[in-house]
Amino acid sequence: MGKNIVFQESPNDPGKRSRLWSHDEVSRVLTKNKGTEAIQAIALNYAQPYEARWSTEAFSKTSQLRLLKIRRVHLPHGLDCLPSALRVLD
């Protein structure tokens, strides 16, 4: 039920939702650097190791991001910036 409520925040643009946990939507938002300050949490838990092709500045527009859980994700390009609001990095 909670995921449906978050989906209704912006059905057509996942970058404008408060929480992201769908693998496809997170990849789309971070690869194209389409994040916004609406995003407060991102949680990914891949069963197999995943190589993310995210922009190095993928988190530059997510100034309100407080929770980032990315398990089994390899970032070959690294990340240049994380928001100062970030409180949990797992």
Protein backbone atom coordinates (compact mmCIF):
# COMPACT_ATOMS: atom_id res chain seq x y z
CA MET A 1 0.00 0.00 0.00
CA GLY A 2 2.82 2.43 0.87
CA LYS A 3 4.52 1.90 -2.49
CA ASN A 4 1.27 2.74 -4.25
CA ILE A 5 0.94 5.99 -2.27
CA VAL A 6 4.49 7.01 -3.22
CA PHE A 7 3.83 6.06 -6.86
CA GLN A 8 0.83 8.44 -6.87
CA GLU A 9 3.12 11.36 -5.93
CA SER A 10 4.28 11.43 -9.53
CA PRO A 11 3.08 8.50 -11.68
CA ASN A 12 5.01 9.57 -14.79
CA ASP A 13 8.23 10.94 -13.30
CA PRO A 14 9.96 8.79 -10.66
CA GLY A 15 12.51 11.56 -10.07
CA LYS A 16 9.79 13.59 -8.37
CA ARG A 17 8.82 10.89 -5.84
CA SER A 18 9.96 10.90 -2.22
CA ARG A 19 11.17 7.30 -2.25
CA LEU A 20 12.64 5.04 -4.93
CA TRP A 21 13.14 1.29 -4.71
CA SER A 22 12.32 -0.02 -8.18
CA HIS A 23 15.52 -1.08 -9.92
CA ASP A 24 14.35 0.25 -13.30
CA GLU A 25 13.22 3.60 -11.94
CA VAL A 26 16.36 4.17 -9.87
CA SER A 27 18.55 3.35 -12.88
CA ARG A 28 16.54 5.64 -15.14
CA VAL A 29 16.70 8.55 -12.69
CA LEU A 30 20.39 8.19 -11.78
CA THR A 31 21.71 7.31 -15.24
CA LYS A 32 20.12 10.40 -16.75
CA ASN A 33 20.78 12.59 -13.67
CA LYS A 34 17.04 13.27 -13.34
CA GLY A 35 16.89 13.28 -9.54
CA THR A 36 15.15 16.12 -7.72
CA GLU A 37 15.06 17.46 -4.19
CA ALA A 38 11.80 15.52 -3.70
CA ILE A 39 13.78 12.27 -3.33
CA GLN A 40 14.37 11.48 0.35
CA ALA A 41 15.21 7.75 0.19
CA ILE A 42 16.65 5.25 -2.27
CA ALA A 43 16.80 1.57 -1.40
CA LEU A 44 18.17 -1.13 -3.71
CA ASN A 45 19.07 -4.67 -2.77
CA TYR A 46 20.17 -6.68 -5.78
CA ALA A 47 20.29 -10.47 -5.50
CA GLN A 48 23.33 -10.58 -7.81
CA PRO A 49 26.11 -7.99 -8.11
CA TYR A 50 25.01 -5.16 -10.39
CA GLU A 51 27.25 -2.72 -12.24
CA ALA A 52 25.55 0.67 -12.20
CA ARG A 53 26.16 3.02 -15.10
CA TRP A 54 25.00 6.03 -13.15
CA SER A 55 26.23 9.52 -13.85
CA THR A 56 29.11 10.54 -11.55
CA GLU A 57 26.92 13.47 -10.51
CA ALA A 58 23.81 11.30 -10.11
CA PHE A 59 23.09 12.59 -6.62
CA SER A 60 23.86 16.26 -7.27
CA LYS A 61 20.18 17.25 -7.49
CA THR A 62 18.95 15.10 -4.60
CA SER A 63 19.65 17.63 -1.87
CA GLN A 64 17.03 16.17 0.51
CA LEU A 65 18.25 12.55 0.23
CA ARG A 66 18.50 11.19 3.78
CA LEU A 67 18.64 7.41 3.21
CA LEU A 68 20.74 5.61 0.61
CA LYS A 69 20.85 1.80 0.67
CA ILE A 70 22.54 0.28 -2.34
CA ARG A 71 23.58 -3.30 -1.74
CA ARG A 72 25.60 -5.35 -4.21
CA VAL A 73 26.02 -2.34 -6.50
CA HIS A 74 29.37 -1.66 -8.13
CA LEU A 75 29.95 1.95 -9.22
CA PRO A 76 32.74 1.85 -11.83
CA HIS A 77 32.60 5.60 -12.39
CA GLY A 78 32.33 6.41 -8.69
CA LEU A 79 30.34 9.32 -7.31
CA ASP A 80 31.47 12.92 -7.17
CA CYS A 81 28.97 14.23 -4.68
CA LEU A 82 26.53 13.09 -2.05
CA PRO A 83 24.01 15.44 -0.42
CA SER A 84 24.79 16.89 3.00
CA ALA A 85 21.31 15.84 4.23
CA LEU A 86 22.34 12.16 3.91
CA ARG A 87 22.06 10.45 7.30
CA VAL A 88 22.12 6.74 6.47
CA LEU A 89 24.46 5.20 3.93
CA ASP A 90 24.25 1.44 3.77
